Amino acid sequence: MSEANDWILLGSTVDLMKELETSGFLKEITLLEKRIVISYHEGQFGAVHARCSHMGGPLAKGKLKKGCIECPWHYWQFGHRSGEAMHGAHEPLASSGGRLSTYPLKVEDGLLYIDAKNETERIKPNYNPMHPVAREPKRESGPIRVLGLSTTAMDKDHPRYSTSEDLLKSALQKAETDLGVQTQFLALSELNFRSCEGFYSKSEKACTWPCSITKMDPNDEMVKVYEALVHWADVVLVGSPIRWGSASSLYYKMAERLNAVQNQITVRDRVLIKDKVAAFILTGGQDNIQAVAGQMLMFFGELGFISPPFPFVAHSLGWSAEDMEKNTEKVRTSERLHSQSYELVQRAVELSRKTLGI
């Protein structure tokens, strides 16, 4: 039972409603070293713990939706008075989202009071087993494994010839035959994966491993890229066209989602990519090869990859070469380009064997 002197005056209900209206009906306060969110919905004030039960996101920076406070980080929702996690908002991460601590409120003579001492007990979420890709990386025994990753944008219903993808596939095929390696080919155009939604921009802690999207959306196929890069491949061969002086749009879409891998280094000092080799095949009707290759080398280096000597093969006929039928045919029939692409894989595999001691 609360004593009379436990109640702390928050202010006039009229003034508080006006203030809350300007802030989306959510306001964080600190009382007795406790962070509390004051809310208002349909004539009723609420007071709950200010941090989300999931990862501690700041609820006052979220949104009030139909009487529920939605966390700005990963969209978990809680009743603004009960603190109860709303069904479905926490799935598939947890079977139950738990309950936030709440604080008694009372209105007397048009004034709102809070009892910050008598908070209800917090109920922690009941988490489901972790996502399979979250397991600790460990190289399984066996031959060198080479991943070919095509970033060419392609219409699934009307596929066309891709110069970078052709060189990539031919290099993989010859490597499997001549080098005794295992190979896997992944085309980003065949994967249904969402763009990065900027969790890192909200807070570095909101960008998680696995990616927050992967954990929340079972249909997101970026998990195939994570599985291949982090757990399966020893060597990664990336193929991309050059469009307007840059790598493909799908390459950058993938790269943004790989922030979840790099951010583990920043936040947890945890390196997920170790002793892995990356090399690149770049083709296009325009130049700017060194800049595109340089960006890729820097980015994959930041993930933890190393690269062999002469780490990329590239082909461009320059800015003025717009006869695409002849350009593509030149790549298709060029023994030199196909041979150089295979030699790139050779160098990458040789470095991988030295690095792994195989």
Protein backbone atom coordinates (compact mmCIF):
# COMPACT_ATOMS: atom_id res chain seq x y z
CA MET A 1 0.00 0.00 0.00
CA SER A 2 1.40 3.39 -0.97
CA GLU A 3 1.96 6.02 1.66
CA ALA A 4 0.80 9.58 1.06
CA ASN A 5 4.36 10.84 0.73
CA ASP A 6 5.14 8.23 -1.98
CA TRP A 7 3.15 10.17 -4.55
CA ILE A 8 5.15 12.57 -6.70
CA LEU A 9 3.41 15.42 -8.50
CA LEU A 10 3.93 15.36 -12.28
CA GLY A 11 1.84 18.40 -13.05
CA SER A 12 -1.54 19.60 -14.26
CA THR A 13 -3.33 17.04 -16.43
CA VAL A 14 -4.29 19.80 -18.88
CA ASP A 15 -0.70 21.00 -19.22
CA LEU A 16 0.62 17.45 -19.47
CA MET A 17 -1.84 16.57 -22.24
CA LYS A 18 -0.76 19.64 -24.20
CA GLU A 19 2.91 18.78 -23.70
CA LEU A 20 2.41 15.13 -24.68
CA GLU A 21 0.49 16.14 -27.79
CA THR A 22 3.64 17.82 -29.12
CA SER A 23 5.75 14.69 -28.57
CA GLY A 24 3.49 11.96 -29.93
CA PHE A 25 1.91 11.38 -26.49
CA LEU A 26 5.12 9.87 -25.11
CA LYS A 27 7.57 11.49 -22.70
CA GLU A 28 10.50 10.03 -20.78
CA ILE A 29 11.17 11.18 -17.22
CA THR A 30 13.64 10.08 -14.54
CA LEU A 31 12.43 9.65 -10.95
CA LEU A 32 14.34 7.94 -8.14
CA GLU A 33 16.96 6.96 -10.77
CA LYS A 34 14.25 5.14 -12.75
CA ARG A 35 13.56 5.92 -16.39
CA ILE A 36 9.82 6.02 -17.00
CA VAL A 37 7.65 6.73 -20.05
CA ILE A 38 4.54 8.79 -19.44
CA SER A 39 1.86 8.33 -22.11
CA TYR A 40 -1.69 9.44 -22.85
CA HIS A 41 -4.36 7.70 -24.91
CA GLU A 42 -8.14 8.12 -25.01
CA GLY A 43 -8.43 9.90 -21.68
CA GLN A 44 -5.99 7.75 -19.71
CA PHE A 45 -2.40 8.31 -18.67
CA GLY A 46 0.08 5.45 -18.48
CA ALA A 47 3.50 4.98 -16.89
CA VAL A 48 5.83 2.11 -17.81
CA HIS A 49 9.54 1.39 -17.75
CA ALA A 50 11.26 3.45 -20.47
CA ARG A 51 13.35 0.69 -22.01
CA CYS A 52 12.08 -2.07 -24.28
CA SER A 53 12.23 -5.59 -22.84
CA HIS A 54 13.89 -6.85 -26.02
CA MET A 55 17.15 -4.91 -26.37
CA GLY A 56 16.58 -1.81 -24.29
CA GLY A 57 15.37 0.48 -27.06
CA PRO A 58 14.17 3.94 -25.91
CA LEU A 59 10.37 3.62 -25.93
CA ALA A 60 9.78 7.37 -25.63
CA LYS A 61 11.35 7.75 -29.10
CA GLY A 62 8.87 5.24 -30.54
CA LYS A 63 5.24 5.68 -31.51
CA LEU A 64 1.93 5.36 -29.69
CA LYS A 65 -0.37 3.20 -31.83
CA LYS A 66 -3.91 2.40 -30.66
CA GLY A 67 -2.89 2.45 -27.03
CA CYS A 68 0.37 0.56 -27.56
CA ILE A 69 3.90 1.92 -27.37
CA GLU A 70 5.96 0.69 -30.32
CA CYS A 71 9.72 0.46 -29.81
CA PRO A 72 11.63 2.40 -32.49
CA TRP A 73 14.34 -0.25 -32.78
CA HIS A 74 12.59 -3.50 -33.66
CA TYR A 75 8.89 -2.58 -33.41
CA TRP A 76 7.91 -4.57 -30.31
CA GLN A 77 4.69 -3.17 -28.84
CA PHE A 78 3.52 -2.85 -25.24
CA GLY A 79 0.25 -1.70 -23.70
CA HIS A 80 0.82 1.87 -22.63
CA ARG A 81 -0.80 1.23 -19.20
CA SER A 82 -0.44 -2.53 -18.69
CA GLY A 83 3.10 -2.90 -20.04
CA GLU A 84 2.03 -6.21 -21.60
CA ALA A 85 3.78 -7.15 -24.85
CA MET A 86 1.28 -7.33 -27.66
CA HIS A 87 0.78 -10.70 -29.36
CA GLY A 88 2.65 -11.03 -32.64
CA ALA A 89 4.88 -7.97 -32.29
CA HIS A 90 7.72 -10.06 -30.84
CA GLU A 91 7.40 -13.03 -33.18
CA PRO A 92 9.31 -15.00 -34.38
CA LEU A 93 12.01 -13.99 -31.87
CA ALA A 94 10.03 -14.89 -28.77
CA SER A 95 6.95 -16.93 -27.89
CA SER A 96 6.15 -14.27 -25.29
CA GLY A 97 7.30 -10.68 -25.19
CA GLY A 98 6.97 -10.41 -21.44
CA ARG A 99 5.77 -7.36 -19.56
CA LEU A 100 7.30 -4.00 -18.71
CA SER A 101 7.29 -2.69 -15.15
CA THR A 102 4.43 -0.25 -14.56
CA TYR A 103 3.95 2.57 -12.05
CA PRO A 104 0.74 3.63 -10.24
CA LEU A 105 -0.81 6.94 -11.29
CA LYS A 106 -3.63 8.96 -9.76
CA VAL A 107 -5.46 12.18 -10.61
CA GLU A 108 -6.62 14.54 -7.84
CA ASP A 109 -8.01 18.02 -8.41
CA GLY A 110 -6.75 18.07 -11.98
CA LEU A 111 -3.23 17.06 -10.98
CA LEU A 112 -1.40 13.88 -11.98
CA TYR A 113 0.67 11.99 -9.41
CA ILE A 114 2.96 8.95 -9.77
CA ASP A 115 4.24 6.45 -7.23
CA ALA A 116 7.69 5.61 -8.57
CA LYS A 117 8.57 3.37 -5.63
CA ASN A 118 5.90 0.74 -6.20
CA GLU A 119 6.71 -0.61 -9.64
CA THR A 120 5.31 -3.94 -10.77
CA GLU A 121 7.65 -6.82 -11.48
CA ARG A 122 9.11 -6.98 -14.97
CA ILE A 123 8.48 -10.25 -16.84
CA LYS A 124 11.27 -11.08 -19.25
CA PRO A 125 10.55 -12.25 -22.82
CA ASN A 126 10.50 -15.98 -23.49
CA TYR A 127 12.88 -16.25 -26.43
CA ASN A 128 12.73 -18.95 -29.08
CA PRO A 129 15.89 -20.88 -30.04
CA MET A 130 18.39 -18.65 -31.84
CA HIS A 131 18.41 -18.39 -35.61
CA PRO A 132 20.60 -21.15 -37.13
CA VAL A 133 22.91 -18.65 -38.85
CA ALA A 134 23.73 -17.16 -35.41
CA ARG A 135 25.88 -20.18 -34.50
CA GLU A 136 29.59 -19.66 -33.92
CA PRO A 137 31.54 -19.85 -37.22
CA LYS A 138 33.61 -23.03 -37.47
CA ARG A 139 35.21 -24.37 -40.61
CA GLU A 140 34.18 -27.94 -41.32
CA SER A 141 36.81 -30.35 -42.65
CA GLY A 142 37.01 -30.97 -46.37
CA PRO A 143 38.37 -29.43 -49.57
CA ILE A 144 38.53 -25.70 -50.25
CA ARG A 145 35.04 -24.29 -50.85
CA VAL A 146 34.60 -21.57 -53.46
CA LEU A 147 31.49 -19.39 -53.60
CA GLY A 148 30.59 -17.57 -56.81
CA LEU A 149 28.41 -14.57 -56.00
CA SER A 150 26.73 -12.85 -58.93
CA THR A 151 25.37 -9.36 -58.28
CA THR A 152 23.95 -8.78 -61.76
CA ALA A 153 20.37 -7.48 -61.76
CA MET A 154 18.21 -9.85 -63.77
CA ASP A 155 14.55 -10.36 -64.64
CA LYS A 156 13.76 -13.90 -63.50
CA ASP A 157 11.10 -14.35 -66.17
CA HIS A 158 13.25 -12.99 -68.98
CA PRO A 159 16.87 -13.83 -68.21
CA ARG A 160 19.59 -12.41 -70.44
CA TYR A 161 23.28 -12.95 -70.97
CA SER A 162 25.51 -11.40 -68.30
CA THR A 163 29.21 -10.98 -69.03
CA SER A 164 30.33 -10.98 -65.38
CA GLU A 165 28.10 -13.94 -64.55
CA ASP A 166 29.37 -15.91 -67.55
CA LEU A 167 33.01 -15.44 -66.52
CA LEU A 168 32.11 -16.29 -62.94
CA LYS A 169 30.35 -19.55 -63.87
CA SER A 170 33.05 -20.69 -66.27
CA ALA A 171 35.76 -20.04 -63.67
CA LEU A 172 33.84 -22.03 -61.04
CA GLN A 173 33.25 -24.93 -63.39
CA LYS A 174 36.91 -25.23 -64.37
CA ALA A 175 38.06 -24.80 -60.77
CA GLU A 176 35.85 -27.65 -59.58
CA THR A 177 37.24 -29.90 -62.31
CA ASP A 178 40.90 -28.92 -62.22
CA LEU A 179 41.51 -27.77 -58.65
CA GLY A 180 39.46 -30.33 -56.72
CA VAL A 181 37.46 -27.70 -54.87
CA GLN A 182 33.80 -27.57 -53.94
CA THR A 183 31.83 -24.77 -55.56
CA GLN A 184 28.54 -23.02 -54.99
CA PHE A 185 26.89 -20.35 -57.15
CA LEU A 186 24.54 -17.71 -55.77
CA ALA A 187 22.78 -15.08 -57.87
CA LEU A 188 21.42 -12.17 -55.88
CA SER A 189 18.76 -11.64 -58.55
CA GLU A 190 17.24 -15.01 -57.60
CA LEU A 191 17.00 -14.15 -53.90
CA ASN A 192 14.07 -12.35 -52.29
CA PHE A 193 15.68 -10.13 -49.67
CA ARG A 194 14.72 -6.80 -48.18
CA SER A 195 16.83 -3.67 -48.34
CA CYS A 196 18.62 -2.46 -45.22
CA GLU A 197 16.14 -0.54 -43.08
CA GLY A 198 18.65 1.57 -41.18
CA PHE A 199 18.69 -0.07 -37.76
CA TYR A 200 22.28 1.09 -37.30
CA SER A 201 21.14 4.66 -37.93
CA LYS A 202 18.86 4.37 -34.88
CA SER A 203 21.57 2.92 -32.65
CA GLU A 204 24.63 0.75 -33.23
CA LYS A 205 23.10 -1.69 -30.73
CA ALA A 206 19.95 -1.97 -32.86
CA CYS A 207 22.00 -3.46 -35.73
CA THR A 208 22.31 -7.09 -34.64
CA TRP A 209 23.77 -10.38 -35.80
CA PRO A 210 22.00 -12.01 -37.45
CA CYS A 211 20.55 -8.95 -39.17
CA SER A 212 17.41 -7.69 -37.42
CA ILE A 213 15.44 -8.21 -40.65
CA THR A 214 16.61 -11.82 -40.89
CA LYS A 215 15.49 -12.50 -37.32
CA MET A 216 12.09 -10.86 -37.82
CA ASP A 217 11.30 -12.08 -41.35
CA PRO A 218 11.56 -15.86 -41.97
CA ASN A 219 11.08 -15.27 -45.71
CA ASP A 220 14.06 -12.96 -46.08
CA GLU A 221 16.60 -14.83 -48.23
CA MET A 222 19.61 -12.72 -47.35
CA VAL A 223 20.21 -15.54 -44.88
CA LYS A 224 21.56 -17.60 -47.81
CA VAL A 225 24.28 -15.00 -48.34
CA TYR A 226 25.08 -14.89 -44.61
CA GLU A 227 25.24 -18.67 -44.44
CA ALA A 228 27.54 -18.89 -47.45
CA LEU A 229 29.90 -16.04 -46.48
CA VAL A 230 30.18 -16.66 -42.74
CA HIS A 231 29.89 -20.43 -42.47
CA TRP A 232 30.51 -22.18 -45.81
CA ALA A 233 32.97 -20.46 -48.15
CA ASP A 234 36.74 -20.33 -47.94
CA VAL A 235 36.98 -18.30 -51.15
CA VAL A 236 34.41 -15.80 -52.39
CA LEU A 237 34.47 -14.70 -56.02
CA VAL A 238 32.19 -11.70 -56.59
CA GLY A 239 30.99 -10.81 -60.07
CA SER A 240 29.48 -7.45 -60.95
CA PRO A 241 28.76 -5.30 -63.97
CA ILE A 242 29.91 -1.69 -63.97
CA ARG A 243 26.96 0.68 -64.35
CA TRP A 244 27.54 4.42 -64.46
CA GLY A 245 30.95 3.95 -62.97
CA SER A 246 29.74 1.85 -60.04
CA ALA A 247 29.05 -1.76 -59.12
CA SER A 248 25.51 -3.07 -59.58
CA SER A 249 22.59 -1.87 -57.47
CA LEU A 250 22.19 -5.40 -56.08
CA TYR A 251 25.80 -5.36 -54.92
CA TYR A 252 25.13 -2.26 -52.83
CA LYS A 253 21.83 -3.66 -51.58
CA MET A 254 23.75 -6.71 -50.33
CA ALA A 255 26.62 -4.61 -48.96
CA GLU A 256 24.26 -2.56 -46.80
CA ARG A 257 22.82 -5.73 -45.29
CA LEU A 258 26.36 -6.98 -44.57
CA ASN A 259 26.69 -4.12 -42.09
CA ALA A 260 25.29 -6.64 -39.59
CA VAL A 261 28.51 -8.65 -40.03
CA GLN A 262 30.90 -5.70 -39.81
CA ASN A 263 29.03 -4.14 -36.89
CA GLN A 264 29.84 -7.14 -34.72
CA ILE A 265 33.47 -6.02 -34.87
CA THR A 266 32.52 -2.48 -33.87
CA VAL A 267 30.11 -3.32 -31.06
CA ARG A 268 31.29 -6.69 -29.72
CA ASP A 269 34.89 -7.01 -30.95
CA ARG A 270 33.69 -10.21 -32.62
CA VAL A 271 35.13 -11.10 -36.04
CA LEU A 272 32.82 -13.44 -37.97
CA ILE A 273 34.93 -13.59 -41.15
CA LYS A 274 38.35 -15.17 -40.58
CA ASP A 275 40.90 -16.76 -42.94
CA LYS A 276 38.67 -16.22 -45.99
CA VAL A 277 39.72 -14.94 -49.41
CA ALA A 278 37.81 -12.57 -51.70
CA ALA A 279 38.43 -11.77 -55.37
CA PHE A 280 36.41 -9.96 -58.03
CA ILE A 281 35.28 -10.11 -61.67
CA LEU A 282 34.12 -6.77 -63.09
CA THR A 283 32.77 -6.08 -66.58
CA GLY A 284 30.94 -3.22 -68.19
CA GLY A 285 30.43 -0.91 -71.14
CA GLN A 286 31.99 1.94 -69.14
CA ASP A 287 35.31 2.42 -67.40
CA ASN A 288 36.06 3.31 -63.73
CA ILE A 289 37.33 -0.19 -63.02
CA GLN A 290 39.96 0.79 -60.45
CA ALA A 291 37.45 2.76 -58.36
CA VAL A 292 34.89 -0.07 -58.35
CA ALA A 293 37.55 -2.68 -57.53
CA GLY A 294 39.01 -0.43 -54.85
CA GLN A 295 35.65 -0.03 -53.13
CA MET A 296 35.07 -3.78 -53.16
CA LEU A 297 38.54 -4.54 -51.83
CA MET A 298 38.10 -2.03 -49.02
CA PHE A 299 34.63 -3.23 -48.12
CA PHE A 300 35.42 -6.94 -48.08
CA GLY A 301 38.63 -6.15 -46.19
CA GLU A 302 36.53 -4.42 -43.53
CA LEU A 303 34.47 -7.61 -43.21
CA GLY A 304 37.65 -9.61 -42.56
CA PHE A 305 38.51 -11.04 -46.00
CA ILE A 306 41.99 -11.11 -47.46
CA SER A 307 42.76 -10.99 -51.18
CA PRO A 308 45.32 -12.66 -53.45
CA PRO A 309 47.89 -10.82 -55.59
CA PHE A 310 46.18 -9.27 -58.62
CA PRO A 311 42.78 -9.61 -56.90
CA PHE A 312 40.44 -8.81 -59.77
CA VAL A 313 39.80 -9.43 -63.45
CA ALA A 314 38.07 -6.65 -65.35
CA HIS A 315 36.90 -5.86 -68.85
CA SER A 316 35.58 -2.62 -70.31
CA LEU A 317 35.50 -1.21 -73.81
CA GLY A 318 35.23 2.33 -72.49
CA TRP A 319 32.67 5.10 -72.43
CA SER A 320 32.10 5.33 -76.18
CA ALA A 321 31.57 1.59 -76.78
CA GLU A 322 27.78 1.30 -76.83
CA ASP A 323 27.37 -1.55 -79.32
CA MET A 324 26.24 -3.99 -76.66
CA GLU A 325 25.63 -6.94 -78.96
CA LYS A 326 29.29 -6.88 -79.97
CA ASN A 327 30.44 -6.11 -76.43
CA THR A 328 28.72 -9.13 -74.93
CA GLU A 329 29.80 -11.39 -77.78
CA LYS A 330 33.41 -10.31 -77.24
CA VAL A 331 33.29 -11.52 -73.64
CA ARG A 332 31.42 -14.70 -74.52
CA THR A 333 34.06 -15.77 -77.05
CA SER A 334 37.19 -14.41 -75.36
CA GLU A 335 39.42 -17.30 -74.32
CA ARG A 336 41.72 -14.80 -72.65
CA LEU A 337 39.04 -13.40 -70.32
CA HIS A 338 37.77 -16.86 -69.36
CA SER A 339 41.34 -18.05 -68.79
CA GLN A 340 42.16 -15.00 -66.65
CA SER A 341 39.02 -15.53 -64.57
CA TYR A 342 40.05 -19.11 -63.88
CA GLU A 343 43.58 -17.99 -63.01
CA LEU A 344 42.07 -15.54 -60.52
CA VAL A 345 40.34 -18.46 -58.80
CA GLN A 346 43.63 -20.35 -58.85
CA ARG A 347 45.40 -17.52 -57.03
CA ALA A 348 42.57 -17.21 -54.51
CA VAL A 349 42.52 -20.96 -53.83
CA GLU A 350 46.30 -21.07 -53.46
CA LEU A 351 46.16 -18.26 -50.88
CA SER A 352 43.32 -20.01 -49.08
CA ARG A 353 45.28 -23.27 -48.88
CA LYS A 354 48.29 -21.45 -47.44
CA THR A 355 46.13 -19.56 -44.96
CA LEU A 356 44.25 -22.66 -43.80
CA GLY A 357 47.26 -24.95 -43.96
CA ILE A 358 45.48 -27.41 -46.27
